[in-house]
N, C-alpha and C. Protein backbone atom coordinates (compact mmCIF):
# COMPACT_ATOMS: atom_id res chain seq x y z
N MET A 1 27.22 3.52 38.85
CA MET A 1 26.21 3.40 37.83
C MET A 1 24.96 2.82 38.47
N THR A 2 23.87 3.54 38.39
CA THR A 2 22.62 3.07 39.00
C THR A 2 21.74 2.42 37.96
N ALA A 3 20.77 1.68 38.45
CA ALA A 3 19.85 0.98 37.52
C ALA A 3 19.05 1.98 36.71
N GLY A 4 18.71 3.14 37.29
CA GLY A 4 17.93 4.15 36.57
C GLY A 4 18.71 4.73 35.39
N THR A 5 20.01 4.86 35.51
CA THR A 5 20.82 5.41 34.44
C THR A 5 20.88 4.45 33.26
N VAL A 6 20.93 3.18 33.54
CA VAL A 6 21.00 2.19 32.48
C VAL A 6 19.64 2.03 31.81
N THR A 7 18.57 2.18 32.59
CA THR A 7 17.23 1.93 32.07
C THR A 7 16.83 2.97 31.02
N ARG A 8 17.13 4.23 31.25
CA ARG A 8 16.69 5.26 30.29
C ARG A 8 17.25 5.04 28.89
N PRO A 9 18.57 4.88 28.74
CA PRO A 9 19.09 4.61 27.39
C PRO A 9 18.52 3.31 26.82
N ALA A 10 18.34 2.33 27.69
CA ALA A 10 17.79 1.05 27.21
C ALA A 10 16.37 1.25 26.71
N ARG A 11 15.58 2.05 27.42
CA ARG A 11 14.21 2.33 26.97
C ARG A 11 14.23 3.06 25.63
N TRP A 12 15.12 4.01 25.50
CA TRP A 12 15.19 4.77 24.24
C TRP A 12 15.56 3.84 23.08
N ARG A 13 16.55 2.96 23.31
CA ARG A 13 16.91 2.00 22.26
C ARG A 13 15.73 1.10 21.93
N LEU A 14 14.99 0.69 22.94
CA LEU A 14 13.81 -0.15 22.72
C LEU A 14 12.78 0.61 21.88
N ALA A 15 12.62 1.90 22.18
CA ALA A 15 11.66 2.71 21.41
C ALA A 15 12.09 2.80 19.94
N VAL A 16 13.37 3.02 19.71
CA VAL A 16 13.87 3.11 18.34
C VAL A 16 13.69 1.78 17.61
N ILE A 17 13.97 0.69 18.31
CA ILE A 17 13.80 -0.63 17.70
C ILE A 17 12.32 -0.88 17.39
N ALA A 18 11.44 -0.51 18.31
CA ALA A 18 10.00 -0.73 18.09
C ALA A 18 9.52 0.07 16.88
N VAL A 19 9.98 1.31 16.78
CA VAL A 19 9.57 2.14 15.63
C VAL A 19 10.12 1.54 14.33
N GLY A 20 11.38 1.08 14.39
CA GLY A 20 11.96 0.45 13.20
C GLY A 20 11.17 -0.78 12.78
N LEU A 21 10.79 -1.58 13.74
CA LEU A 21 9.97 -2.76 13.44
C LEU A 21 8.61 -2.37 12.88
N ALA A 22 8.01 -1.31 13.45
CA ALA A 22 6.72 -0.86 12.95
C ALA A 22 6.84 -0.41 11.49
N LEU A 23 7.90 0.34 11.19
CA LEU A 23 8.11 0.78 9.81
C LEU A 23 8.37 -0.41 8.88
N LEU A 24 9.13 -1.38 9.37
CA LEU A 24 9.40 -2.56 8.58
C LEU A 24 8.11 -3.34 8.33
N THR A 25 7.26 -3.43 9.34
CA THR A 25 5.98 -4.12 9.18
C THR A 25 5.12 -3.42 8.13
N VAL A 26 5.09 -2.09 8.19
CA VAL A 26 4.33 -1.33 7.19
C VAL A 26 4.91 -1.57 5.81
N ALA A 27 6.24 -1.57 5.71
CA ALA A 27 6.89 -1.76 4.41
C ALA A 27 6.58 -3.14 3.84
N CYS A 28 6.63 -4.15 4.67
CA CYS A 28 6.41 -5.51 4.19
C CYS A 28 4.95 -5.82 3.95
N GLY A 29 4.06 -5.07 4.57
CA GLY A 29 2.64 -5.36 4.44
C GLY A 29 1.93 -4.51 3.41
N SER A 30 2.67 -3.85 2.51
CA SER A 30 2.02 -2.93 1.59
C SER A 30 1.89 -3.51 0.19
N SER A 31 1.54 -4.73 0.09
CA SER A 31 1.23 -5.43 -1.16
C SER A 31 2.25 -5.22 -2.27
N GLY A 32 3.51 -5.45 -1.95
CA GLY A 32 4.54 -5.43 -2.98
C GLY A 32 5.05 -4.06 -3.36
N THR A 33 4.73 -3.02 -2.62
CA THR A 33 5.22 -1.70 -2.94
C THR A 33 6.09 -1.22 -1.81
N THR A 34 6.81 -0.14 -2.04
CA THR A 34 7.62 0.39 -0.96
C THR A 34 6.72 1.15 -0.01
N ALA A 35 7.08 1.19 1.26
CA ALA A 35 6.24 1.82 2.27
C ALA A 35 6.47 3.32 2.37
N SER A 36 7.43 3.84 1.69
CA SER A 36 7.80 5.23 1.89
C SER A 36 7.50 6.10 0.69
N GLY A 37 6.43 5.83 0.01
CA GLY A 37 6.05 6.68 -1.09
C GLY A 37 6.83 6.41 -2.35
N GLY A 38 7.49 5.27 -2.46
CA GLY A 38 8.23 4.93 -3.67
C GLY A 38 7.29 4.56 -4.78
N ALA A 39 7.83 4.14 -5.88
CA ALA A 39 7.00 3.81 -7.04
C ALA A 39 6.16 2.58 -6.73
N PRO A 40 4.85 2.66 -6.97
CA PRO A 40 3.98 1.54 -6.68
C PRO A 40 4.10 0.46 -7.74
N SER A 41 3.66 -0.73 -7.37
CA SER A 41 3.64 -1.80 -8.35
C SER A 41 2.48 -1.57 -9.31
N PRO A 42 2.53 -2.10 -10.53
CA PRO A 42 1.46 -1.87 -11.48
C PRO A 42 0.11 -2.34 -10.98
N SER A 43 0.06 -3.32 -10.10
CA SER A 43 -1.22 -3.83 -9.63
C SER A 43 -1.88 -2.90 -8.63
N SER A 44 -1.18 -1.83 -8.18
CA SER A 44 -1.78 -0.97 -7.17
C SER A 44 -2.46 0.26 -7.77
N THR A 45 -2.69 0.28 -9.06
CA THR A 45 -3.36 1.42 -9.64
C THR A 45 -4.79 1.47 -9.15
N SER A 46 -5.29 2.65 -8.99
CA SER A 46 -6.61 2.84 -8.42
C SER A 46 -7.66 2.93 -9.51
N PRO A 47 -8.89 2.52 -9.20
CA PRO A 47 -9.94 2.59 -10.20
C PRO A 47 -10.40 4.02 -10.47
N SER A 48 -10.01 4.98 -9.66
CA SER A 48 -10.44 6.36 -9.89
C SER A 48 -9.57 6.99 -10.96
N ALA A 49 -9.99 6.88 -12.16
CA ALA A 49 -9.25 7.45 -13.28
C ALA A 49 -9.50 8.94 -13.34
N PRO A 50 -8.67 9.67 -14.08
CA PRO A 50 -8.89 11.10 -14.20
C PRO A 50 -10.27 11.40 -14.76
N ALA A 51 -10.80 12.54 -14.38
CA ALA A 51 -12.12 12.96 -14.84
C ALA A 51 -12.07 13.30 -16.32
N ALA A 52 -13.13 13.88 -16.81
CA ALA A 52 -13.31 14.10 -18.24
C ALA A 52 -12.26 15.00 -18.86
N GLY A 53 -11.24 15.38 -18.14
CA GLY A 53 -10.22 16.26 -18.67
C GLY A 53 -9.32 15.62 -19.70
N GLY A 54 -9.48 14.32 -19.95
CA GLY A 54 -8.65 13.65 -20.94
C GLY A 54 -7.29 13.33 -20.36
N SER A 55 -6.40 12.81 -21.22
CA SER A 55 -5.11 12.40 -20.71
C SER A 55 -4.03 13.45 -20.92
N SER A 56 -4.34 14.53 -21.63
CA SER A 56 -3.33 15.57 -21.80
C SER A 56 -3.36 16.48 -20.58
N SER A 57 -2.24 16.65 -19.93
CA SER A 57 -2.17 17.44 -18.71
C SER A 57 -1.34 18.68 -18.96
N ALA A 58 -1.76 19.75 -18.33
CA ALA A 58 -1.02 20.98 -18.42
C ALA A 58 0.31 20.81 -17.69
N PRO A 59 1.36 21.45 -18.19
CA PRO A 59 2.65 21.34 -17.49
C PRO A 59 2.55 21.78 -16.04
N GLY A 60 1.69 22.74 -15.72
CA GLY A 60 1.52 23.20 -14.35
C GLY A 60 1.06 22.09 -13.43
N LEU A 61 0.16 21.24 -13.91
CA LEU A 61 -0.33 20.13 -13.11
C LEU A 61 0.80 19.16 -12.78
N CYS A 62 1.58 18.83 -13.77
CA CYS A 62 2.69 17.89 -13.55
C CYS A 62 3.77 18.50 -12.66
N ASP A 63 3.99 19.81 -12.79
CA ASP A 63 4.94 20.48 -11.91
C ASP A 63 4.46 20.44 -10.46
N GLU A 64 3.15 20.71 -10.26
CA GLU A 64 2.58 20.66 -8.91
C GLU A 64 2.64 19.24 -8.36
N ALA A 65 2.38 18.26 -9.23
CA ALA A 65 2.44 16.85 -8.79
C ALA A 65 3.86 16.50 -8.37
N ALA A 66 4.84 16.89 -9.16
CA ALA A 66 6.24 16.59 -8.83
C ALA A 66 6.63 17.25 -7.50
N ALA A 67 6.22 18.50 -7.31
CA ALA A 67 6.53 19.19 -6.05
C ALA A 67 5.86 18.49 -4.86
N LEU A 68 4.61 18.08 -5.06
CA LEU A 68 3.90 17.37 -3.99
C LEU A 68 4.60 16.06 -3.64
N PHE A 69 4.93 15.27 -4.65
CA PHE A 69 5.54 13.97 -4.38
C PHE A 69 6.94 14.12 -3.78
N ASP A 70 7.67 15.15 -4.17
CA ASP A 70 8.98 15.39 -3.55
C ASP A 70 8.82 15.71 -2.06
N SER A 71 7.83 16.55 -1.72
CA SER A 71 7.62 16.90 -0.31
C SER A 71 7.11 15.69 0.47
N LEU A 72 6.28 14.86 -0.15
CA LEU A 72 5.81 13.64 0.50
C LEU A 72 6.96 12.66 0.72
N ASP A 73 7.85 12.59 -0.25
CA ASP A 73 9.01 11.72 -0.13
C ASP A 73 9.86 12.14 1.07
N GLN A 74 10.05 13.43 1.23
CA GLN A 74 10.82 13.93 2.37
C GLN A 74 10.12 13.59 3.68
N LEU A 75 8.81 13.76 3.74
CA LEU A 75 8.05 13.47 4.97
C LEU A 75 8.08 11.99 5.32
N THR A 76 7.90 11.14 4.34
CA THR A 76 7.81 9.71 4.62
C THR A 76 9.16 9.04 4.83
N HIS A 77 10.25 9.75 4.58
CA HIS A 77 11.58 9.19 4.80
C HIS A 77 12.28 9.80 6.01
N ILE A 78 11.52 10.41 6.88
CA ILE A 78 12.11 11.03 8.06
C ILE A 78 12.47 9.95 9.08
N LYS A 79 13.54 10.16 9.80
CA LYS A 79 13.93 9.23 10.87
C LYS A 79 13.27 9.69 12.16
N LEU A 80 12.52 8.80 12.75
CA LEU A 80 11.86 9.12 14.01
C LEU A 80 12.87 9.02 15.15
N GLN A 81 13.05 10.14 15.81
CA GLN A 81 13.93 10.16 16.97
C GLN A 81 13.52 11.33 17.85
N LYS A 82 14.07 11.34 19.05
CA LYS A 82 13.75 12.39 20.01
C LYS A 82 14.03 13.76 19.40
N GLY A 83 13.10 14.68 19.58
CA GLY A 83 13.28 16.03 19.10
C GLY A 83 12.87 16.26 17.65
N MET A 84 12.22 15.30 17.03
CA MET A 84 11.85 15.43 15.61
C MET A 84 10.45 16.03 15.41
N LYS A 85 9.74 16.34 16.49
CA LYS A 85 8.38 16.85 16.37
C LYS A 85 8.31 18.10 15.49
N ASN A 86 9.21 19.05 15.71
CA ASN A 86 9.18 20.30 14.94
C ASN A 86 9.48 20.06 13.47
N GLU A 87 10.43 19.17 13.18
CA GLU A 87 10.76 18.88 11.78
C GLU A 87 9.58 18.19 11.07
N ILE A 88 8.97 17.24 11.75
CA ILE A 88 7.82 16.55 11.15
C ILE A 88 6.69 17.54 10.93
N THR A 89 6.45 18.42 11.91
CA THR A 89 5.39 19.42 11.79
C THR A 89 5.66 20.35 10.61
N ALA A 90 6.90 20.78 10.43
CA ALA A 90 7.25 21.65 9.30
C ALA A 90 7.08 20.91 7.97
N ASP A 91 7.54 19.66 7.91
CA ASP A 91 7.37 18.87 6.68
C ASP A 91 5.89 18.66 6.37
N LEU A 92 5.10 18.44 7.41
CA LEU A 92 3.67 18.24 7.24
C LEU A 92 3.00 19.50 6.68
N ALA A 93 3.38 20.66 7.20
CA ALA A 93 2.83 21.92 6.70
C ALA A 93 3.21 22.12 5.23
N ASN A 94 4.44 21.78 4.87
CA ASN A 94 4.90 21.89 3.49
C ASN A 94 4.08 20.98 2.58
N VAL A 95 3.86 19.74 3.01
CA VAL A 95 3.08 18.79 2.21
C VAL A 95 1.65 19.30 2.02
N LYS A 96 1.05 19.81 3.08
CA LYS A 96 -0.33 20.31 2.98
C LYS A 96 -0.42 21.47 1.99
N ALA A 97 0.57 22.36 2.01
CA ALA A 97 0.58 23.48 1.05
C ALA A 97 0.72 22.97 -0.38
N LYS A 98 1.60 22.01 -0.59
CA LYS A 98 1.78 21.43 -1.93
C LYS A 98 0.54 20.68 -2.38
N LEU A 99 -0.11 19.99 -1.46
CA LEU A 99 -1.34 19.26 -1.80
C LEU A 99 -2.44 20.23 -2.21
N THR A 100 -2.57 21.33 -1.50
CA THR A 100 -3.57 22.34 -1.86
C THR A 100 -3.31 22.88 -3.26
N ALA A 101 -2.06 23.19 -3.57
CA ALA A 101 -1.71 23.70 -4.90
C ALA A 101 -2.00 22.64 -5.97
N PHE A 102 -1.70 21.38 -5.67
CA PHE A 102 -1.95 20.30 -6.63
C PHE A 102 -3.46 20.13 -6.87
N VAL A 103 -4.23 20.10 -5.80
CA VAL A 103 -5.69 19.93 -5.92
C VAL A 103 -6.29 21.08 -6.73
N ASP A 104 -5.82 22.31 -6.49
CA ASP A 104 -6.31 23.46 -7.27
C ASP A 104 -6.01 23.28 -8.75
N GLU A 105 -4.82 22.80 -9.06
CA GLU A 105 -4.40 22.62 -10.45
C GLU A 105 -5.09 21.40 -11.10
N ALA A 106 -5.47 20.42 -10.30
CA ALA A 106 -6.08 19.19 -10.82
C ALA A 106 -7.54 19.38 -11.22
N HIS A 107 -8.18 20.43 -10.75
CA HIS A 107 -9.57 20.74 -11.12
C HIS A 107 -10.51 19.54 -10.95
N GLY A 108 -10.48 18.94 -9.78
CA GLY A 108 -11.43 17.87 -9.47
C GLY A 108 -10.98 16.47 -9.86
N ARG A 109 -9.84 16.33 -10.45
CA ARG A 109 -9.34 15.00 -10.81
C ARG A 109 -8.73 14.33 -9.59
N TRP A 110 -8.80 13.04 -9.55
CA TRP A 110 -8.21 12.21 -8.49
C TRP A 110 -8.73 12.56 -7.10
N GLN A 111 -10.03 12.85 -7.01
CA GLN A 111 -10.61 13.26 -5.73
C GLN A 111 -10.52 12.17 -4.67
N ALA A 112 -10.75 10.92 -5.05
CA ALA A 112 -10.69 9.83 -4.07
C ALA A 112 -9.28 9.71 -3.48
N GLN A 113 -8.28 9.81 -4.33
CA GLN A 113 -6.90 9.67 -3.86
C GLN A 113 -6.45 10.88 -3.03
N THR A 114 -6.83 12.08 -3.45
CA THR A 114 -6.44 13.25 -2.67
C THR A 114 -7.17 13.28 -1.33
N ALA A 115 -8.41 12.82 -1.30
CA ALA A 115 -9.14 12.75 -0.02
C ALA A 115 -8.48 11.73 0.92
N GLU A 116 -8.05 10.60 0.36
CA GLU A 116 -7.35 9.60 1.16
C GLU A 116 -6.06 10.18 1.73
N LEU A 117 -5.33 10.92 0.91
CA LEU A 117 -4.08 11.52 1.37
C LEU A 117 -4.35 12.58 2.44
N LYS A 118 -5.37 13.42 2.24
CA LYS A 118 -5.71 14.43 3.24
C LYS A 118 -6.04 13.77 4.58
N SER A 119 -6.79 12.69 4.53
CA SER A 119 -7.16 11.96 5.74
C SER A 119 -5.92 11.39 6.44
N ALA A 120 -5.02 10.81 5.67
CA ALA A 120 -3.79 10.25 6.24
C ALA A 120 -2.93 11.35 6.86
N LEU A 121 -2.87 12.51 6.21
CA LEU A 121 -2.09 13.63 6.75
C LEU A 121 -2.70 14.16 8.05
N THR A 122 -4.02 14.19 8.11
CA THR A 122 -4.70 14.62 9.33
C THR A 122 -4.41 13.65 10.48
N LYS A 123 -4.43 12.37 10.18
CA LYS A 123 -4.12 11.35 11.19
C LYS A 123 -2.68 11.53 11.68
N LEU A 124 -1.75 11.76 10.77
CA LEU A 124 -0.36 11.98 11.15
C LEU A 124 -0.22 13.24 12.01
N GLN A 125 -0.90 14.29 11.62
CA GLN A 125 -0.84 15.54 12.38
C GLN A 125 -1.33 15.31 13.82
N THR A 126 -2.39 14.55 13.98
CA THR A 126 -2.91 14.23 15.30
C THR A 126 -1.89 13.46 16.12
N GLU A 127 -1.26 12.46 15.51
CA GLU A 127 -0.27 11.65 16.22
C GLU A 127 0.96 12.46 16.59
N VAL A 128 1.39 13.37 15.72
CA VAL A 128 2.56 14.19 16.00
C VAL A 128 2.27 15.15 17.16
N LYS A 129 1.05 15.65 17.23
CA LYS A 129 0.70 16.54 18.34
C LYS A 129 0.80 15.83 19.68
N ASN A 130 0.64 14.51 19.69
CA ASN A 130 0.72 13.73 20.92
C ASN A 130 2.14 13.47 21.38
N LEU A 131 3.12 13.79 20.55
CA LEU A 131 4.52 13.57 20.94
C LEU A 131 4.91 14.57 22.04
N THR A 132 5.69 14.10 22.97
CA THR A 132 6.20 14.96 24.03
C THR A 132 7.72 15.01 23.92
N GLY A 133 8.35 15.69 24.84
CA GLY A 133 9.81 15.77 24.84
C GLY A 133 10.46 14.41 24.96
N SER A 134 9.85 13.52 25.70
CA SER A 134 10.33 12.14 25.85
C SER A 134 9.20 11.21 25.43
N PRO A 135 9.04 11.01 24.13
CA PRO A 135 7.89 10.23 23.66
C PRO A 135 7.98 8.76 24.09
N SER A 136 6.80 8.20 24.34
CA SER A 136 6.73 6.79 24.70
C SER A 136 6.88 5.93 23.45
N VAL A 137 7.13 4.68 23.67
CA VAL A 137 7.24 3.73 22.56
C VAL A 137 5.93 3.70 21.77
N SER A 138 4.81 3.71 22.48
CA SER A 138 3.53 3.64 21.77
C SER A 138 3.26 4.91 20.97
N ALA A 139 3.70 6.08 21.48
CA ALA A 139 3.52 7.33 20.73
C ALA A 139 4.36 7.31 19.46
N LEU A 140 5.60 6.84 19.57
CA LEU A 140 6.46 6.74 18.39
C LEU A 140 5.91 5.72 17.39
N ALA A 141 5.40 4.62 17.91
CA ALA A 141 4.81 3.61 17.02
C ALA A 141 3.58 4.15 16.31
N SER A 142 2.78 4.96 17.00
CA SER A 142 1.60 5.57 16.37
C SER A 142 2.00 6.53 15.25
N VAL A 143 3.06 7.29 15.49
CA VAL A 143 3.55 8.19 14.44
C VAL A 143 4.06 7.38 13.26
N ALA A 144 4.81 6.32 13.54
CA ALA A 144 5.34 5.47 12.46
C ALA A 144 4.20 4.86 11.65
N THR A 145 3.16 4.40 12.32
CA THR A 145 2.00 3.83 11.63
C THR A 145 1.31 4.89 10.76
N ALA A 146 1.17 6.10 11.31
CA ALA A 146 0.54 7.19 10.54
C ALA A 146 1.39 7.56 9.33
N ILE A 147 2.71 7.56 9.47
CA ILE A 147 3.59 7.83 8.33
C ILE A 147 3.41 6.73 7.28
N GLY A 148 3.25 5.50 7.72
CA GLY A 148 2.98 4.40 6.78
C GLY A 148 1.68 4.63 6.03
N GLY A 149 0.66 5.15 6.71
CA GLY A 149 -0.61 5.48 6.06
C GLY A 149 -0.45 6.57 5.01
N VAL A 150 0.38 7.56 5.33
CA VAL A 150 0.67 8.62 4.35
C VAL A 150 1.40 8.01 3.14
N GLY A 151 2.32 7.09 3.40
CA GLY A 151 3.04 6.43 2.31
C GLY A 151 2.10 5.66 1.40
N THR A 152 1.16 4.94 1.98
CA THR A 152 0.19 4.18 1.19
C THR A 152 -0.69 5.11 0.36
N ALA A 153 -1.19 6.17 0.98
CA ALA A 153 -2.03 7.14 0.26
C ALA A 153 -1.23 7.81 -0.85
N THR A 154 0.05 8.07 -0.61
CA THR A 154 0.93 8.65 -1.62
C THR A 154 1.06 7.71 -2.81
N GLN A 155 1.27 6.44 -2.53
CA GLN A 155 1.39 5.45 -3.60
C GLN A 155 0.13 5.40 -4.45
N ASN A 156 -1.02 5.45 -3.81
CA ASN A 156 -2.28 5.40 -4.54
C ASN A 156 -2.46 6.62 -5.43
N LEU A 157 -2.12 7.79 -4.92
CA LEU A 157 -2.22 9.01 -5.72
C LEU A 157 -1.20 8.99 -6.84
N LEU A 158 0.01 8.57 -6.55
CA LEU A 158 1.05 8.51 -7.58
C LEU A 158 0.65 7.55 -8.70
N ALA A 159 0.07 6.43 -8.34
CA ALA A 159 -0.36 5.47 -9.37
C ALA A 159 -1.39 6.09 -10.29
N ALA A 160 -2.30 6.86 -9.75
CA ALA A 160 -3.34 7.49 -10.56
C ALA A 160 -2.78 8.63 -11.40
N VAL A 161 -1.92 9.45 -10.82
CA VAL A 161 -1.40 10.63 -11.50
C VAL A 161 -0.34 10.27 -12.53
N SER A 162 0.40 9.20 -12.31
CA SER A 162 1.54 8.88 -13.17
C SER A 162 1.16 8.58 -14.61
N THR A 163 -0.10 8.22 -14.87
CA THR A 163 -0.51 8.01 -16.26
C THR A 163 -0.51 9.30 -17.04
N ASP A 164 -0.81 10.41 -16.36
CA ASP A 164 -0.81 11.72 -17.02
C ASP A 164 0.49 12.48 -16.81
N CYS A 165 1.16 12.21 -15.72
CA CYS A 165 2.39 12.92 -15.38
C CYS A 165 3.45 11.90 -14.98
N PRO A 166 4.03 11.19 -15.93
CA PRO A 166 5.02 10.18 -15.57
C PRO A 166 6.25 10.75 -14.87
N SER A 167 6.52 12.02 -15.06
CA SER A 167 7.68 12.63 -14.41
C SER A 167 7.39 13.08 -12.99
N ALA A 168 6.18 12.84 -12.49
CA ALA A 168 5.81 13.31 -11.16
C ALA A 168 6.43 12.50 -10.04
N SER A 169 6.97 11.33 -10.35
CA SER A 169 7.54 10.47 -9.33
C SER A 169 8.78 11.13 -8.72
N PRO A 170 8.88 11.10 -7.38
CA PRO A 170 10.06 11.72 -6.75
C PRO A 170 11.31 10.93 -7.01
N SER A 171 12.44 11.61 -6.93
CA SER A 171 13.69 10.87 -7.05
C SER A 171 13.84 10.03 -5.79
N PRO A 172 14.36 8.82 -5.94
CA PRO A 172 14.42 7.93 -4.78
C PRO A 172 15.29 8.48 -3.67
N SER A 173 14.80 8.33 -2.44
CA SER A 173 15.59 8.71 -1.26
C SER A 173 16.43 7.52 -0.89
N GLY A 174 17.55 7.76 -0.36
CA GLY A 174 18.35 6.63 0.01
C GLY A 174 18.96 6.81 1.28
């Protein structure tokens, strides 16, 4: 057994631990809400209320919101590990498609929250592109931080949308 053989698995374990700590830090630092797109606390509602469309929402809007939040829930609950770049990329593409459908159905409502989410998704996409076959601890930590940003943006959008579409919240991942 050589020192190089022991070092590689040890580095990988260190990377996994660092990513876990980064995710835990994001979870604990999100002002009383879950870090993975879970239901936000009542104090996290955003000042950007729906536009002049009133509080009655078309069933299509709530269906699109539910589909979006389900896909976001899947993306933000992914386990970061070697070889996950393709899965994250596919989940990201799915979320972007659902977000586009939701924005089209929302007709200009919740623009601040959807812009924040688009920005967070773009940041995540950039970080995922930087992953290699053997990602470094810092690359994994950057992806974990970007996923935390997507989770926060998701919470903000969910808080705004849930007044019109209470059923839009995803079922909890466990």
